[in-house]
């Protein structure tokens, strides 16, 4: 089941909730032949179900913008590891969409828009130990976390992590491989908006990440910007 979230103009964000009663083959009916071949290589792995949910989330998100059913949308892995999307039915209201996918136990998120986007989803109760915080955040970021109101609906440390992950995806990069270059530089906690910077002297960039709650999950949706 897909749950739609407010994503802003020209963007779509959906959380695909897992239903254990639905077997993999039933969910896979909307995959294209090429996607089915990809799934056959994944289905026997521990991540096979998450991969399938992520594809369904992205196909539904792009299809919602194009006005197409998910079976008429194909999502493949691009040459740099990013998901690529294309429609299988003309005519189109638009083309050149960007998609992003994220997984967590029990759900997946898919985002689509005309500009590069990134999404991350986590269970709201996921704990981040002090050791993880010391590794993941610098002093300025920890100060942002400490300044957050404890009554907010999102745990600030987890929210900051989600925002950084989503921002890195909007730039087409993996957070873990570039952790030292991805820095949260501002937070409007009450509004659920964070600013994240890509620290690169030759190609700096920014991203604005928006926090959203959907059921038991926290999501961050980021759109790439430039300095």
C-alpha atoms as a PDB file:
ATOM      1  CA  UNK A   1       0.000   0.000   0.000  1.00  0.00           C
ATOM      2  CA  UNK A   2       1.285   3.440  -0.929  1.00  0.00           C
ATOM      3  CA  UNK A   3       0.873   6.402   1.423  1.00  0.00           C
ATOM      4  CA  UNK A   4       1.319   9.803  -0.214  1.00  0.00           C
ATOM      5  CA  UNK A   5       3.000  12.646   1.674  1.00  0.00           C
ATOM      6  CA  UNK A   6       3.049  16.394   0.943  1.00  0.00           C
ATOM      7  CA  UNK A   7       6.213  16.971  -1.052  1.00  0.00           C
ATOM      8  CA  UNK A   8       5.863  20.482  -2.464  1.00  0.00           C
ATOM      9  CA  UNK A   9       5.387  21.748  -6.039  1.00  0.00           C
ATOM     10  CA  UNK A  10       6.175  19.326  -8.876  1.00  0.00           C
ATOM     11  CA  UNK A  11       7.459  16.624  -6.514  1.00  0.00           C
ATOM     12  CA  UNK A  12       5.910  13.384  -5.300  1.00  0.00           C
ATOM     13  CA  UNK A  13       6.829  11.399  -2.208  1.00  0.00           C
ATOM     14  CA  UNK A  14       5.319   8.076  -1.219  1.00  0.00           C
ATOM     15  CA  UNK A  15       5.851   5.509   1.526  1.00  0.00           C
ATOM     16  CA  UNK A  16       5.205   1.958   0.426  1.00  0.00           C
ATOM     17  CA  UNK A  17       4.149  -0.087   3.455  1.00  0.00           C
ATOM     18  CA  UNK A  18       5.030  -3.755   3.481  1.00  0.00           C
ATOM     19  CA  UNK A  19       2.185  -6.224   3.835  1.00  0.00           C
ATOM     20  CA  UNK A  20       3.577  -9.614   4.908  1.00  0.00           C
ATOM     21  CA  UNK A  21       0.386 -11.242   3.627  1.00  0.00           C
ATOM     22  CA  UNK A  22       1.359 -10.257   0.084  1.00  0.00           C
ATOM     23  CA  UNK A  23       3.941 -12.706  -1.324  1.00  0.00           C
ATOM     24  CA  UNK A  24       6.753 -11.415  -3.494  1.00  0.00           C
ATOM     25  CA  UNK A  25       5.273 -12.739  -6.783  1.00  0.00           C
ATOM     26  CA  UNK A  26       2.027 -10.844  -6.158  1.00  0.00           C
ATOM     27  CA  UNK A  27       3.888  -7.580  -5.613  1.00  0.00           C
ATOM     28  CA  UNK A  28       6.159  -8.234  -8.585  1.00  0.00           C
ATOM     29  CA  UNK A  29       3.285  -8.370 -11.076  1.00  0.00           C
ATOM     30  CA  UNK A  30       3.759  -4.680 -11.932  1.00  0.00           C
ATOM     31  CA  UNK A  31       7.469  -5.103 -12.747  1.00  0.00           C
ATOM     32  CA  UNK A  32       8.519  -4.769 -16.370  1.00  0.00           C
ATOM     33  CA  UNK A  33      10.407  -7.685 -17.985  1.00  0.00           C
ATOM     34  CA  UNK A  34      13.731  -5.899 -17.430  1.00  0.00           C
ATOM     35  CA  UNK A  35      12.861  -5.143 -13.801  1.00  0.00           C
ATOM     36  CA  UNK A  36      11.772  -8.746 -13.315  1.00  0.00           C
ATOM     37  CA  UNK A  37      15.189  -9.921 -14.524  1.00  0.00           C
ATOM     38  CA  UNK A  38      16.832  -7.570 -12.011  1.00  0.00           C
ATOM     39  CA  UNK A  39      14.554  -8.835  -9.253  1.00  0.00           C
ATOM     40  CA  UNK A  40      15.389 -12.477  -9.956  1.00  0.00           C
ATOM     41  CA  UNK A  41      18.987 -11.668  -9.075  1.00  0.00           C
ATOM     42  CA  UNK A  42      17.858 -10.070  -5.806  1.00  0.00           C
ATOM     43  CA  UNK A  43      14.892 -12.111  -4.581  1.00  0.00           C
ATOM     44  CA  UNK A  44      16.913 -14.873  -2.902  1.00  0.00           C
ATOM     45  CA  UNK A  45      19.051 -12.375  -0.973  1.00  0.00           C
ATOM     46  CA  UNK A  46      18.186 -10.881   2.448  1.00  0.00           C
ATOM     47  CA  UNK A  47      17.611  -7.529   0.736  1.00  0.00           C
ATOM     48  CA  UNK A  48      15.335  -8.919  -1.964  1.00  0.00           C
ATOM     49  CA  UNK A  49      12.051  -7.856  -0.361  1.00  0.00           C
ATOM     50  CA  UNK A  50      13.374  -4.364   0.412  1.00  0.00           C
ATOM     51  CA  UNK A  51      14.599  -4.003  -3.174  1.00  0.00           C
ATOM     52  CA  UNK A  52      11.146  -4.919  -4.467  1.00  0.00           C
ATOM     53  CA  UNK A  53       9.363  -2.482  -2.141  1.00  0.00           C
ATOM     54  CA  UNK A  54      11.746   0.294  -3.171  1.00  0.00           C
ATOM     55  CA  UNK A  55      11.096  -0.285  -6.856  1.00  0.00           C
ATOM     56  CA  UNK A  56       7.346  -0.235  -6.262  1.00  0.00           C
ATOM     57  CA  UNK A  57       7.623   3.029  -4.327  1.00  0.00           C
ATOM     58  CA  UNK A  58       9.630   4.694  -7.085  1.00  0.00           C
ATOM     59  CA  UNK A  59       7.405   3.360  -9.890  1.00  0.00           C
ATOM     60  CA  UNK A  60       4.303   4.660  -8.141  1.00  0.00           C
ATOM     61  CA  UNK A  61       5.895   8.060  -7.470  1.00  0.00           C
ATOM     62  CA  UNK A  62       7.023   8.611 -11.056  1.00  0.00           C
ATOM     63  CA  UNK A  63       3.748   7.242 -12.392  1.00  0.00           C
ATOM     64  CA  UNK A  64       1.796   9.707 -10.270  1.00  0.00           C
ATOM     65  CA  UNK A  65       3.625  12.625 -11.913  1.00  0.00           C
ATOM     66  CA  UNK A  66       3.323  11.176 -15.407  1.00  0.00           C
ATOM     67  CA  UNK A  67      -0.283  10.033 -14.992  1.00  0.00           C
ATOM     68  CA  UNK A  68       0.727   6.419 -15.647  1.00  0.00           C
ATOM     69  CA  UNK A  69       0.123   3.190 -13.727  1.00  0.00           C
ATOM     70  CA  UNK A  70       3.230   1.679 -12.094  1.00  0.00           C
ATOM     71  CA  UNK A  71       3.423  -1.116 -14.662  1.00  0.00           C
ATOM     72  CA  UNK A  72       3.981   1.536 -17.355  1.00  0.00           C
ATOM     73  CA  UNK A  73       7.019   2.945 -15.527  1.00  0.00           C
ATOM     74  CA  UNK A  74      10.436   1.299 -15.544  1.00  0.00           C
ATOM     75  CA  UNK A  75      13.129   1.922 -12.927  1.00  0.00           C
ATOM     76  CA  UNK A  76      16.606   0.532 -13.534  1.00  0.00           C
ATOM     77  CA  UNK A  77      19.985   1.066 -11.931  1.00  0.00           C
ATOM     78  CA  UNK A  78      22.016   3.641 -13.859  1.00  0.00           C
ATOM     79  CA  UNK A  79      25.740   3.449 -14.654  1.00  0.00           C
ATOM     80  CA  UNK A  80      26.668   5.341 -11.465  1.00  0.00           C
ATOM     81  CA  UNK A  81      24.387   3.304  -9.238  1.00  0.00           C
ATOM     82  CA  UNK A  82      21.558   5.836  -9.171  1.00  0.00           C
ATOM     83  CA  UNK A  83      18.037   4.790 -10.154  1.00  0.00           C
ATOM     84  CA  UNK A  84      16.980   5.809 -13.653  1.00  0.00           C
ATOM     85  CA  UNK A  85      13.317   6.035 -14.620  1.00  0.00           C
ATOM     86  CA  UNK A  86      11.542   6.049 -17.959  1.00  0.00           C
ATOM     87  CA  UNK A  87       7.916   5.820 -19.111  1.00  0.00           C
ATOM     88  CA  UNK A  88       6.759   2.989 -21.316  1.00  0.00           C
ATOM     89  CA  UNK A  89       3.621   4.677 -22.631  1.00  0.00           C
ATOM     90  CA  UNK A  90       3.501   7.888 -24.670  1.00  0.00           C
ATOM     91  CA  UNK A  91       2.327  10.585 -24.831  1.00  0.00           C
ATOM     92  CA  UNK A  92       3.814  12.205 -21.755  1.00  0.00           C
ATOM     93  CA  UNK A  93       2.972  15.325 -19.837  1.00  0.00           C
ATOM     94  CA  UNK A  94       6.696  15.725 -19.176  1.00  0.00           C
ATOM     95  CA  UNK A  95       9.949  13.819 -19.250  1.00  0.00           C
ATOM     96  CA  UNK A  96      13.323  13.759 -17.605  1.00  0.00           C
ATOM     97  CA  UNK A  97      12.183  12.839 -14.100  1.00  0.00           C
ATOM     98  CA  UNK A  98      14.598  12.080 -11.295  1.00  0.00           C
ATOM     99  CA  UNK A  99      13.787   9.427  -8.692  1.00  0.00           C
ATOM    100  CA  UNK A 100      15.227   8.406  -5.337  1.00  0.00           C
ATOM    101  CA  UNK A 101      14.664   5.271  -3.263  1.00  0.00           C
ATOM    102  CA  UNK A 102      15.168   4.401   0.393  1.00  0.00           C
ATOM    103  CA  UNK A 103      14.448   1.253   2.428  1.00  0.00           C
ATOM    104  CA  UNK A 104      14.009   0.379   6.078  1.00  0.00           C
ATOM    105  CA  UNK A 105      12.465  -2.693   7.733  1.00  0.00           C
ATOM    106  CA  UNK A 106       8.777  -2.769   6.885  1.00  0.00           C
ATOM    107  CA  UNK A 107       8.674   0.068   4.372  1.00  0.00           C
ATOM    108  CA  UNK A 108      10.315   1.840   1.463  1.00  0.00           C
ATOM    109  CA  UNK A 109      10.112   5.392   0.173  1.00  0.00           C
ATOM    110  CA  UNK A 110      10.120   6.689  -3.377  1.00  0.00           C
ATOM    111  CA  UNK A 111      10.469  10.296  -4.495  1.00  0.00           C
ATOM    112  CA  UNK A 112      10.205  11.789  -7.974  1.00  0.00           C
ATOM    113  CA  UNK A 113      10.566  15.243  -9.448  1.00  0.00           C
ATOM    114  CA  UNK A 114      11.927  17.222 -12.408  1.00  0.00           C
ATOM    115  CA  UNK A 115      15.014  18.247 -10.380  1.00  0.00           C
ATOM    116  CA  UNK A 116      17.419  15.875  -8.599  1.00  0.00           C
ATOM    117  CA  UNK A 117      15.855  14.656  -5.353  1.00  0.00           C
ATOM    118  CA  UNK A 118      16.939  12.438  -2.497  1.00  0.00           C
ATOM    119  CA  UNK A 119      14.913  10.580   0.116  1.00  0.00           C
ATOM    120  CA  UNK A 120      15.691   8.682   3.283  1.00  0.00           C
ATOM    121  CA  UNK A 121      13.326   6.720   5.537  1.00  0.00           C
ATOM    122  CA  UNK A 122      13.922   5.338   9.011  1.00  0.00           C
ATOM    123  CA  UNK A 123      11.796   3.980  11.832  1.00  0.00           C
ATOM    124  CA  UNK A 124      11.194   6.820  14.272  1.00  0.00           C
ATOM    125  CA  UNK A 125      12.345   4.760  17.245  1.00  0.00           C
ATOM    126  CA  UNK A 126      15.698   3.830  15.697  1.00  0.00           C
ATOM    127  CA  UNK A 127      18.283   4.739  18.366  1.00  0.00           C
ATOM    128  CA  UNK A 128      21.574   6.451  17.630  1.00  0.00           C
ATOM    129  CA  UNK A 129      24.166   5.755  20.294  1.00  0.00           C
ATOM    130  CA  UNK A 130      26.598   8.374  21.543  1.00  0.00           C
ATOM    131  CA  UNK A 131      29.343   6.527  19.701  1.00  0.00           C
ATOM    132  CA  UNK A 132      27.428   6.787  16.429  1.00  0.00           C
ATOM    133  CA  UNK A 133      26.702  10.482  17.037  1.00  0.00           C
ATOM    134  CA  UNK A 134      30.373  11.186  17.655  1.00  0.00           C
ATOM    135  CA  UNK A 135      31.261   9.421  14.406  1.00  0.00           C
ATOM    136  CA  UNK A 136      28.441  10.840  12.266  1.00  0.00           C
ATOM    137  CA  UNK A 137      28.290  14.494  13.374  1.00  0.00           C
ATOM    138  CA  UNK A 138      30.862  17.208  13.963  1.00  0.00           C
ATOM    139  CA  UNK A 139      30.697  19.688  16.822  1.00  0.00           C
ATOM    140  CA  UNK A 140      28.538  22.207  14.972  1.00  0.00           C
ATOM    141  CA  UNK A 141      26.046  19.507  13.999  1.00  0.00           C
ATOM    142  CA  UNK A 142      25.861  18.215  17.563  1.00  0.00           C
ATOM    143  CA  UNK A 143      25.119  21.795  18.634  1.00  0.00           C
ATOM    144  CA  UNK A 144      22.196  21.845  16.182  1.00  0.00           C
ATOM    145  CA  UNK A 145      20.911  18.628  17.727  1.00  0.00           C
ATOM    146  CA  UNK A 146      21.255  19.967  21.281  1.00  0.00           C
ATOM    147  CA  UNK A 147      19.351  23.137  20.314  1.00  0.00           C
ATOM    148  CA  UNK A 148      16.258  21.187  19.192  1.00  0.00           C
ATOM    149  CA  UNK A 149      13.112  21.273  21.284  1.00  0.00           C
ATOM    150  CA  UNK A 150      12.685  17.859  22.956  1.00  0.00           C
ATOM    151  CA  UNK A 151       8.941  17.973  22.227  1.00  0.00           C
ATOM    152  CA  UNK A 152       9.357  17.775  18.445  1.00  0.00           C
ATOM    153  CA  UNK A 153       7.818  14.809  16.597  1.00  0.00           C
ATOM    154  CA  UNK A 154      11.199  13.817  15.120  1.00  0.00           C
ATOM    155  CA  UNK A 155      14.232  12.703  17.128  1.00  0.00           C
ATOM    156  CA  UNK A 156      16.750  15.421  16.209  1.00  0.00           C
ATOM    157  CA  UNK A 157      19.814  13.208  15.810  1.00  0.00           C
ATOM    158  CA  UNK A 158      17.979  10.734  13.587  1.00  0.00           C
ATOM    159  CA  UNK A 159      16.399  13.615  11.664  1.00  0.00           C
ATOM    160  CA  UNK A 160      19.828  15.110  11.005  1.00  0.00           C
ATOM    161  CA  UNK A 161      21.110  11.769   9.771  1.00  0.00           C
ATOM    162  CA  UNK A 162      18.113  11.348   7.460  1.00  0.00           C
ATOM    163  CA  UNK A 163      18.563  14.858   6.093  1.00  0.00           C
ATOM    164  CA  UNK A 164      22.237  14.233   5.333  1.00  0.00           C
ATOM    165  CA  UNK A 165      21.449  10.905   3.671  1.00  0.00           C
ATOM    166  CA  UNK A 166      18.716  12.468   1.533  1.00  0.00           C
ATOM    167  CA  UNK A 167      20.950  15.401   0.573  1.00  0.00           C
ATOM    168  CA  UNK A 168      23.789  13.096  -0.455  1.00  0.00           C
ATOM    169  CA  UNK A 169      21.394  11.151  -2.684  1.00  0.00           C
ATOM    170  CA  UNK A 170      20.196  14.383  -4.304  1.00  0.00           C
ATOM    171  CA  UNK A 171      23.819  15.017  -5.311  1.00  0.00           C
ATOM    172  CA  UNK A 172      24.163  11.463  -6.621  1.00  0.00           C
ATOM    173  CA  UNK A 173      26.547  10.406  -3.862  1.00  0.00           C
ATOM    174  CA  UNK A 174      26.501   7.911  -1.025  1.00  0.00           C
ATOM    175  CA  UNK A 175      26.700   9.397   2.451  1.00  0.00           C
ATOM    176  CA  UNK A 176      28.947   6.752   3.992  1.00  0.00           C
ATOM    177  CA  UNK A 177      31.566   7.231   1.284  1.00  0.00           C
ATOM    178  CA  UNK A 178      31.547  11.013   1.689  1.00  0.00           C
ATOM    179  CA  UNK A 179      30.615  11.569   5.342  1.00  0.00           C
ATOM    180  CA  UNK A 180      33.339  14.163   5.926  1.00  0.00           C
ATOM    181  CA  UNK A 181      32.022  16.307   3.049  1.00  0.00           C
ATOM    182  CA  UNK A 182      28.323  16.271   3.948  1.00  0.00           C
ATOM    183  CA  UNK A 183      27.516  18.776   6.691  1.00  0.00           C
ATOM    184  CA  UNK A 184      24.240  20.071   8.109  1.00  0.00           C
ATOM    185  CA  UNK A 185      24.660  23.840   8.364  1.00  0.00           C
ATOM    186  CA  UNK A 186      21.256  25.000   9.588  1.00  0.00           C
ATOM    187  CA  UNK A 187      18.048  23.724  11.125  1.00  0.00           C
ATOM    188  CA  UNK A 188      14.574  25.171  11.519  1.00  0.00           C
ATOM    189  CA  UNK A 189      13.387  22.412  13.791  1.00  0.00           C
ATOM    190  CA  UNK A 190       9.889  23.763  14.273  1.00  0.00           C
ATOM    191  CA  UNK A 191       9.318  23.878  10.516  1.00  0.00           C
ATOM    192  CA  UNK A 192      11.072  20.556   9.927  1.00  0.00           C
ATOM    193  CA  UNK A 193      13.607  21.991   7.479  1.00  0.00           C
ATOM    194  CA  UNK A 194      17.363  21.502   7.428  1.00  0.00           C
ATOM    195  CA  UNK A 195      20.105  22.900   5.209  1.00  0.00           C
ATOM    196  CA  UNK A 196      22.898  20.547   4.180  1.00  0.00           C
ATOM    197  CA  UNK A 197      26.116  21.488   2.382  1.00  0.00           C
ATOM    198  CA  UNK A 198      28.458  19.502   0.140  1.00  0.00           C
ATOM    199  CA  UNK A 199      31.933  20.665   1.127  1.00  0.00           C
ATOM    200  CA  UNK A 200      33.955  20.634  -2.068  1.00  0.00           C
ATOM    201  CA  UNK A 201      36.102  23.594  -3.098  1.00  0.00           C
ATOM    202  CA  UNK A 202      35.710  22.795  -6.805  1.00  0.00           C
ATOM    203  CA  UNK A 203      32.013  21.870  -6.875  1.00  0.00           C
ATOM    204  CA  UNK A 204      30.206  22.995  -3.711  1.00  0.00           C
ATOM    205  CA  UNK A 205      26.470  22.448  -3.424  1.00  0.00           C
ATOM    206  CA  UNK A 206      23.602  22.718  -0.998  1.00  0.00           C
ATOM    207  CA  UNK A 207      20.351  20.883  -0.416  1.00  0.00           C
ATOM    208  CA  UNK A 208      17.231  21.744   1.526  1.00  0.00           C
ATOM    209  CA  UNK A 209      15.800  18.767   3.381  1.00  0.00           C
ATOM    210  CA  UNK A 210      12.230  18.586   4.627  1.00  0.00           C
ATOM    211  CA  UNK A 211      11.231  16.267   7.482  1.00  0.00           C
ATOM    212  CA  UNK A 212       7.944  14.355   7.410  1.00  0.00           C
ATOM    213  CA  UNK A 213       6.253  11.807   9.630  1.00  0.00           C
ATOM    214  CA  UNK A 214       4.276   8.905   8.179  1.00  0.00           C
ATOM    215  CA  UNK A 215       3.012   6.359  10.681  1.00  0.00           C
ATOM    216  CA  UNK A 216       5.973   4.935  12.577  1.00  0.00           C
ATOM    217  CA  UNK A 217       8.459   6.371  10.096  1.00  0.00           C
ATOM    218  CA  UNK A 218      10.541   9.500   9.697  1.00  0.00           C
ATOM    219  CA  UNK A 219      11.326  10.646   6.160  1.00  0.00           C
ATOM    220  CA  UNK A 220      13.600  13.339   4.803  1.00  0.00           C
ATOM    221  CA  UNK A 221      13.109  14.697   1.291  1.00  0.00           C
ATOM    222  CA  UNK A 222      15.923  16.783  -0.177  1.00  0.00           C
ATOM    223  CA  UNK A 223      16.211  18.751  -3.399  1.00  0.00           C
ATOM    224  CA  UNK A 224      19.613  19.677  -4.780  1.00  0.00           C
ATOM    225  CA  UNK A 225      20.645  23.315  -4.856  1.00  0.00           C
ATOM    226  CA  UNK A 226      23.804  25.185  -5.752  1.00  0.00           C
ATOM    227  CA  UNK A 227      26.018  27.647  -3.922  1.00  0.00           C
END
